[in-house]
C-alpha atoms as a PDB file:
ATOM      1  CA  UNK A   1       9.659 -16.464  18.249  1.00  0.00           C
ATOM      2  CA  UNK A   2      10.515 -20.112  18.902  1.00  0.00           C
ATOM      3  CA  UNK A   3      10.258 -20.895  15.191  1.00  0.00           C
ATOM      4  CA  UNK A   4      12.617 -18.035  14.328  1.00  0.00           C
ATOM      5  CA  UNK A   5      15.014 -19.178  17.060  1.00  0.00           C
ATOM      6  CA  UNK A   6      14.873 -22.644  15.477  1.00  0.00           C
ATOM      7  CA  UNK A   7      15.985 -21.364  12.080  1.00  0.00           C
ATOM      8  CA  UNK A   8      12.740 -20.729  10.199  1.00  0.00           C
ATOM      9  CA  UNK A   9      13.703 -17.845   7.916  1.00  0.00           C
ATOM     10  CA  UNK A  10      10.655 -17.075   5.779  1.00  0.00           C
ATOM     11  CA  UNK A  11       7.405 -16.111   7.506  1.00  0.00           C
ATOM     12  CA  UNK A  12       4.130 -14.370   6.790  1.00  0.00           C
ATOM     13  CA  UNK A  13       2.361 -13.012   9.874  1.00  0.00           C
ATOM     14  CA  UNK A  14      -1.239 -11.809  10.046  1.00  0.00           C
ATOM     15  CA  UNK A  15      -2.083  -9.768  13.144  1.00  0.00           C
ATOM     16  CA  UNK A  16      -4.838  -7.142  13.385  1.00  0.00           C
ATOM     17  CA  UNK A  17      -4.582  -6.229  17.064  1.00  0.00           C
ATOM     18  CA  UNK A  18      -2.803  -3.836  19.388  1.00  0.00           C
ATOM     19  CA  UNK A  19      -0.588  -4.734  22.340  1.00  0.00           C
ATOM     20  CA  UNK A  20      -2.475  -4.549  25.646  1.00  0.00           C
ATOM     21  CA  UNK A  21      -1.293  -4.954  29.222  1.00  0.00           C
ATOM     22  CA  UNK A  22      -3.196  -8.227  29.645  1.00  0.00           C
ATOM     23  CA  UNK A  23      -1.252  -9.746  26.713  1.00  0.00           C
ATOM     24  CA  UNK A  24       2.197  -9.370  28.261  1.00  0.00           C
ATOM     25  CA  UNK A  25       2.060 -12.307  30.665  1.00  0.00           C
ATOM     26  CA  UNK A  26       1.468 -14.818  27.869  1.00  0.00           C
ATOM     27  CA  UNK A  27       2.788 -13.267  24.649  1.00  0.00           C
ATOM     28  CA  UNK A  28       6.558 -13.181  25.000  1.00  0.00           C
ATOM     29  CA  UNK A  29       7.289 -11.040  21.951  1.00  0.00           C
ATOM     30  CA  UNK A  30       5.904  -7.864  23.553  1.00  0.00           C
ATOM     31  CA  UNK A  31       6.958  -5.727  26.527  1.00  0.00           C
ATOM     32  CA  UNK A  32       5.627  -2.693  28.432  1.00  0.00           C
ATOM     33  CA  UNK A  33       7.015  -0.228  25.907  1.00  0.00           C
ATOM     34  CA  UNK A  34       4.873  -1.821  23.203  1.00  0.00           C
ATOM     35  CA  UNK A  35       1.496  -1.229  24.893  1.00  0.00           C
ATOM     36  CA  UNK A  36      -0.857   0.639  22.559  1.00  0.00           C
ATOM     37  CA  UNK A  37       1.170  -0.115  19.435  1.00  0.00           C
ATOM     38  CA  UNK A  38      -0.054  -2.328  16.642  1.00  0.00           C
ATOM     39  CA  UNK A  39       1.191  -5.873  17.099  1.00  0.00           C
ATOM     40  CA  UNK A  40       2.061  -5.998  13.410  1.00  0.00           C
ATOM     41  CA  UNK A  41       4.438  -3.023  13.669  1.00  0.00           C
ATOM     42  CA  UNK A  42       6.069  -4.420  16.829  1.00  0.00           C
ATOM     43  CA  UNK A  43       6.545  -7.820  15.191  1.00  0.00           C
ATOM     44  CA  UNK A  44       8.052  -6.231  12.084  1.00  0.00           C
ATOM     45  CA  UNK A  45      10.443  -4.099  14.155  1.00  0.00           C
ATOM     46  CA  UNK A  46      11.592  -6.962  16.372  1.00  0.00           C
ATOM     47  CA  UNK A  47      12.128  -9.356  13.495  1.00  0.00           C
ATOM     48  CA  UNK A  48      14.312  -6.801  11.679  1.00  0.00           C
ATOM     49  CA  UNK A  49      16.132  -5.994  14.943  1.00  0.00           C
ATOM     50  CA  UNK A  50      16.845  -9.530  16.170  1.00  0.00           C
ATOM     51  CA  UNK A  51      16.472 -11.756  13.097  1.00  0.00           C
ATOM     52  CA  UNK A  52      18.155  -9.896  10.256  1.00  0.00           C
ATOM     53  CA  UNK A  53      18.293 -12.957   7.992  1.00  0.00           C
ATOM     54  CA  UNK A  54      14.562 -13.592   8.161  1.00  0.00           C
ATOM     55  CA  UNK A  55      12.262 -12.692   5.279  1.00  0.00           C
ATOM     56  CA  UNK A  56       9.008 -11.512   6.851  1.00  0.00           C
ATOM     57  CA  UNK A  57       5.738 -10.240   5.430  1.00  0.00           C
ATOM     58  CA  UNK A  58       3.527  -8.766   8.137  1.00  0.00           C
ATOM     59  CA  UNK A  59      -0.128  -7.907   7.530  1.00  0.00           C
ATOM     60  CA  UNK A  60      -2.077  -5.700   9.930  1.00  0.00           C
ATOM     61  CA  UNK A  61      -5.478  -7.220   9.210  1.00  0.00           C
ATOM     62  CA  UNK A  62      -7.800 -10.063  10.086  1.00  0.00           C
ATOM     63  CA  UNK A  63      -7.023 -13.438   8.569  1.00  0.00           C
ATOM     64  CA  UNK A  64      -8.423 -13.598   5.050  1.00  0.00           C
ATOM     65  CA  UNK A  65      -8.762 -16.919   3.191  1.00  0.00           C
ATOM     66  CA  UNK A  66      -7.377 -15.199   0.088  1.00  0.00           C
ATOM     67  CA  UNK A  67      -3.994 -15.014   1.850  1.00  0.00           C
ATOM     68  CA  UNK A  68      -3.729 -18.813   1.688  1.00  0.00           C
ATOM     69  CA  UNK A  69      -4.108 -18.666  -2.078  1.00  0.00           C
ATOM     70  CA  UNK A  70      -1.828 -15.661  -2.622  1.00  0.00           C
ATOM     71  CA  UNK A  71       0.972 -16.504  -0.164  1.00  0.00           C
ATOM     72  CA  UNK A  72       0.925 -20.294  -0.714  1.00  0.00           C
ATOM     73  CA  UNK A  73       2.490 -21.148   2.674  1.00  0.00           C
ATOM     74  CA  UNK A  74       4.128 -24.500   3.418  1.00  0.00           C
ATOM     75  CA  UNK A  75       2.191 -24.657   6.685  1.00  0.00           C
ATOM     76  CA  UNK A  76      -0.070 -22.343   8.720  1.00  0.00           C
ATOM     77  CA  UNK A  77       0.410 -21.834  12.450  1.00  0.00           C
ATOM     78  CA  UNK A  78      -2.788 -20.752  14.175  1.00  0.00           C
ATOM     79  CA  UNK A  79      -2.276 -18.497  17.215  1.00  0.00           C
ATOM     80  CA  UNK A  80      -5.822 -17.201  17.534  1.00  0.00           C
ATOM     81  CA  UNK A  81      -7.978 -17.035  20.639  1.00  0.00           C
ATOM     82  CA  UNK A  82     -11.479 -17.738  19.350  1.00  0.00           C
ATOM     83  CA  UNK A  83     -13.290 -20.577  17.651  1.00  0.00           C
ATOM     84  CA  UNK A  84     -14.694 -18.626  14.707  1.00  0.00           C
ATOM     85  CA  UNK A  85     -11.159 -17.739  13.605  1.00  0.00           C
ATOM     86  CA  UNK A  86     -10.035 -21.347  14.059  1.00  0.00           C
ATOM     87  CA  UNK A  87     -12.897 -22.615  11.904  1.00  0.00           C
ATOM     88  CA  UNK A  88     -12.062 -20.057   9.206  1.00  0.00           C
ATOM     89  CA  UNK A  89      -8.380 -21.076   9.196  1.00  0.00           C
ATOM     90  CA  UNK A  90      -9.288 -24.781   9.205  1.00  0.00           C
ATOM     91  CA  UNK A  91     -11.704 -24.407   6.304  1.00  0.00           C
ATOM     92  CA  UNK A  92      -9.310 -22.283   4.229  1.00  0.00           C
ATOM     93  CA  UNK A  93      -6.335 -24.561   4.799  1.00  0.00           C
ATOM     94  CA  UNK A  94      -8.285 -27.734   4.103  1.00  0.00           C
ATOM     95  CA  UNK A  95      -9.805 -26.403   0.880  1.00  0.00           C
ATOM     96  CA  UNK A  96      -6.378 -25.281  -0.360  1.00  0.00           C
ATOM     97  CA  UNK A  97      -4.465 -28.382   0.725  1.00  0.00           C
ATOM     98  CA  UNK A  98      -2.283 -26.508   3.228  1.00  0.00           C
ATOM     99  CA  UNK A  99      -1.534 -28.212   6.560  1.00  0.00           C
ATOM    100  CA  UNK A 100      -2.027 -26.246   9.739  1.00  0.00           C
ATOM    101  CA  UNK A 101      -1.098 -26.439  13.390  1.00  0.00           C
ATOM    102  CA  UNK A 102      -3.290 -25.163  16.195  1.00  0.00           C
ATOM    103  CA  UNK A 103      -3.040 -24.885  19.950  1.00  0.00           C
ATOM    104  CA  UNK A 104      -5.597 -23.800  22.502  1.00  0.00           C
ATOM    105  CA  UNK A 105      -5.222 -23.254  26.232  1.00  0.00           C
ATOM    106  CA  UNK A 106      -7.452 -22.426  29.162  1.00  0.00           C
ATOM    107  CA  UNK A 107      -6.365 -22.445  32.768  1.00  0.00           C
ATOM    108  CA  UNK A 108      -3.790 -25.217  33.266  1.00  0.00           C
ATOM    109  CA  UNK A 109      -4.931 -27.256  30.256  1.00  0.00           C
ATOM    110  CA  UNK A 110      -4.660 -27.226  26.518  1.00  0.00           C
ATOM    111  CA  UNK A 111      -3.965 -29.082  23.311  1.00  0.00           C
ATOM    112  CA  UNK A 112      -1.863 -28.934  20.167  1.00  0.00           C
ATOM    113  CA  UNK A 113      -2.673 -30.569  16.853  1.00  0.00           C
ATOM    114  CA  UNK A 114      -1.541 -30.971  13.261  1.00  0.00           C
ATOM    115  CA  UNK A 115      -4.238 -31.145  10.566  1.00  0.00           C
ATOM    116  CA  UNK A 116      -3.885 -31.807   6.845  1.00  0.00           C
ATOM    117  CA  UNK A 117      -5.998 -33.185   3.990  1.00  0.00           C
ATOM    118  CA  UNK A 118      -5.403 -36.755   5.196  1.00  0.00           C
ATOM    119  CA  UNK A 119      -6.594 -36.160   8.755  1.00  0.00           C
ATOM    120  CA  UNK A 120     -10.015 -35.334  10.153  1.00  0.00           C
ATOM    121  CA  UNK A 121     -10.254 -31.551  10.236  1.00  0.00           C
ATOM    122  CA  UNK A 122     -10.591 -29.179  13.181  1.00  0.00           C
ATOM    123  CA  UNK A 123     -14.390 -29.236  12.886  1.00  0.00           C
ATOM    124  CA  UNK A 124     -14.309 -33.008  13.412  1.00  0.00           C
ATOM    125  CA  UNK A 125     -12.342 -32.407  16.622  1.00  0.00           C
ATOM    126  CA  UNK A 126     -14.549 -29.630  17.991  1.00  0.00           C
ATOM    127  CA  UNK A 127     -17.885 -30.459  16.399  1.00  0.00           C
ATOM    128  CA  UNK A 128     -20.399 -27.735  17.010  1.00  0.00           C
ATOM    129  CA  UNK A 129     -19.365 -27.347  20.646  1.00  0.00           C
ATOM    130  CA  UNK A 130     -17.952 -23.863  20.505  1.00  0.00           C
ATOM    131  CA  UNK A 131     -16.786 -22.968  23.968  1.00  0.00           C
ATOM    132  CA  UNK A 132     -16.375 -19.209  23.762  1.00  0.00           C
ATOM    133  CA  UNK A 133     -18.026 -17.882  26.909  1.00  0.00           C
ATOM    134  CA  UNK A 134     -18.533 -14.546  28.596  1.00  0.00           C
ATOM    135  CA  UNK A 135     -16.452 -15.680  31.595  1.00  0.00           C
ATOM    136  CA  UNK A 136     -13.383 -17.627  30.425  1.00  0.00           C
ATOM    137  CA  UNK A 137     -11.086 -19.301  32.965  1.00  0.00           C
ATOM    138  CA  UNK A 138      -8.143 -17.243  31.809  1.00  0.00           C
ATOM    139  CA  UNK A 139      -4.813 -18.250  30.363  1.00  0.00           C
ATOM    140  CA  UNK A 140      -1.856 -19.034  32.584  1.00  0.00           C
ATOM    141  CA  UNK A 141       1.495 -18.073  31.053  1.00  0.00           C
ATOM    142  CA  UNK A 142       3.151 -21.475  31.378  1.00  0.00           C
ATOM    143  CA  UNK A 143       0.190 -23.226  29.716  1.00  0.00           C
ATOM    144  CA  UNK A 144       0.356 -20.739  26.840  1.00  0.00           C
ATOM    145  CA  UNK A 145       4.126 -21.251  26.501  1.00  0.00           C
ATOM    146  CA  UNK A 146       3.725 -25.027  26.589  1.00  0.00           C
ATOM    147  CA  UNK A 147       1.058 -24.982  23.876  1.00  0.00           C
ATOM    148  CA  UNK A 148       3.213 -22.693  21.733  1.00  0.00           C
ATOM    149  CA  UNK A 149       6.283 -24.893  22.171  1.00  0.00           C
ATOM    150  CA  UNK A 150       4.278 -27.939  21.105  1.00  0.00           C
ATOM    151  CA  UNK A 151       3.115 -26.074  18.002  1.00  0.00           C
ATOM    152  CA  UNK A 152       6.696 -25.101  17.185  1.00  0.00           C
ATOM    153  CA  UNK A 153       7.910 -28.691  17.630  1.00  0.00           C
ATOM    154  CA  UNK A 154       5.198 -29.958  15.272  1.00  0.00           C
ATOM    155  CA  UNK A 155       6.077 -27.320  12.654  1.00  0.00           C
ATOM    156  CA  UNK A 156       9.816 -28.057  12.814  1.00  0.00           C
ATOM    157  CA  UNK A 157       9.099 -31.774  12.514  1.00  0.00           C
ATOM    158  CA  UNK A 158       6.929 -31.137   9.451  1.00  0.00           C
ATOM    159  CA  UNK A 159       9.453 -28.821   7.773  1.00  0.00           C
ATOM    160  CA  UNK A 160      12.167 -31.452   8.272  1.00  0.00           C
ATOM    161  CA  UNK A 161      10.059 -34.006   6.391  1.00  0.00           C
ATOM    162  CA  UNK A 162       9.215 -35.878   9.556  1.00  0.00           C
ATOM    163  CA  UNK A 163       5.478 -35.299   9.719  1.00  0.00           C
ATOM    164  CA  UNK A 164       3.839 -35.352  13.092  1.00  0.00           C
ATOM    165  CA  UNK A 165       2.043 -38.674  13.275  1.00  0.00           C
ATOM    166  CA  UNK A 166       0.012 -38.103  16.396  1.00  0.00           C
ATOM    167  CA  UNK A 167      -3.572 -37.031  16.696  1.00  0.00           C
ATOM    168  CA  UNK A 168      -4.379 -34.299  19.197  1.00  0.00           C
ATOM    169  CA  UNK A 169      -1.881 -33.902  22.024  1.00  0.00           C
ATOM    170  CA  UNK A 170      -3.736 -32.913  25.197  1.00  0.00           C
ATOM    171  CA  UNK A 171      -2.113 -31.679  28.400  1.00  0.00           C
ATOM    172  CA  UNK A 172      -3.204 -30.802  31.923  1.00  0.00           C
ATOM    173  CA  UNK A 173      -0.298 -29.183  33.756  1.00  0.00           C
ATOM    174  CA  UNK A 174      -2.131 -29.057  37.079  1.00  0.00           C
ATOM    175  CA  UNK A 175      -2.561 -32.831  37.196  1.00  0.00           C
ATOM    176  CA  UNK A 176       0.600 -33.599  35.196  1.00  0.00           C
ATOM    177  CA  UNK A 177      -1.433 -35.487  32.571  1.00  0.00           C
ATOM    178  CA  UNK A 178      -0.484 -35.847  28.927  1.00  0.00           C
ATOM    179  CA  UNK A 179      -2.332 -37.893  26.341  1.00  0.00           C
ATOM    180  CA  UNK A 180      -3.023 -38.288  22.654  1.00  0.00           C
ATOM    181  CA  UNK A 181      -6.653 -38.055  21.629  1.00  0.00           C
ATOM    182  CA  UNK A 182      -7.806 -39.865  18.513  1.00  0.00           C
ATOM    183  CA  UNK A 183     -10.188 -37.927  16.264  1.00  0.00           C
ATOM    184  CA  UNK A 184     -12.623 -39.607  13.888  1.00  0.00           C
ATOM    185  CA  UNK A 185     -13.743 -37.953  10.675  1.00  0.00           C
ATOM    186  CA  UNK A 186     -17.378 -36.904  11.049  1.00  0.00           C
ATOM    187  CA  UNK A 187     -19.628 -38.233   8.305  1.00  0.00           C
ATOM    188  CA  UNK A 188     -21.586 -34.975   8.391  1.00  0.00           C
ATOM    189  CA  UNK A 189     -18.553 -32.674   8.486  1.00  0.00           C
ATOM    190  CA  UNK A 190     -19.225 -29.765   6.103  1.00  0.00           C
ATOM    191  CA  UNK A 191     -15.515 -29.526   5.221  1.00  0.00           C
ATOM    192  CA  UNK A 192     -13.812 -32.918   5.127  1.00  0.00           C
ATOM    193  CA  UNK A 193     -16.500 -35.625   4.993  1.00  0.00           C
ATOM    194  CA  UNK A 194     -16.254 -38.102   2.105  1.00  0.00           C
ATOM    195  CA  UNK A 195     -19.122 -36.322   0.404  1.00  0.00           C
ATOM    196  CA  UNK A 196     -17.077 -33.102   0.365  1.00  0.00           C
ATOM    197  CA  UNK A 197     -13.721 -34.608  -0.701  1.00  0.00           C
END
């Protein structure tokens, strides 16, 4: 939504899920009347209703690496909530030379990052430390909004030929802490190590 409000007028959205009550506090595009509907159909309806000048392709399916090759996006914005999907997006984007932006939040904290062929990839940032657990801390709405706004700012900067030059921007809204984290390319990274380039 923030990207559309900022003037982005050509988007491709991939969303397999349905709107649930526990999405509403952190996903501002949906409301109570949308519960039970496919997110893809709601997104399509709201884009045509509120953003008539926007060209939008909406897929009701899981992310498929083939979409990177067929759609040839300028940049990919990751809005997923699990590490397997992030790794799949990272790998697909890196192999096809498409930059991507990702954000993740938990509790009061989170991060946003820009990755391209010149930077260490998402696997270098996360390593093998997947943190999906049976009892997550939950996502507070303002942390989710903040992470999404950071992603949007990075995308707009990139599209205006002012590439984001930072590493990983980390935030902790409970302690009012903000920092940039430097990421080193892992020599054993299966995606972006020198041996794989």
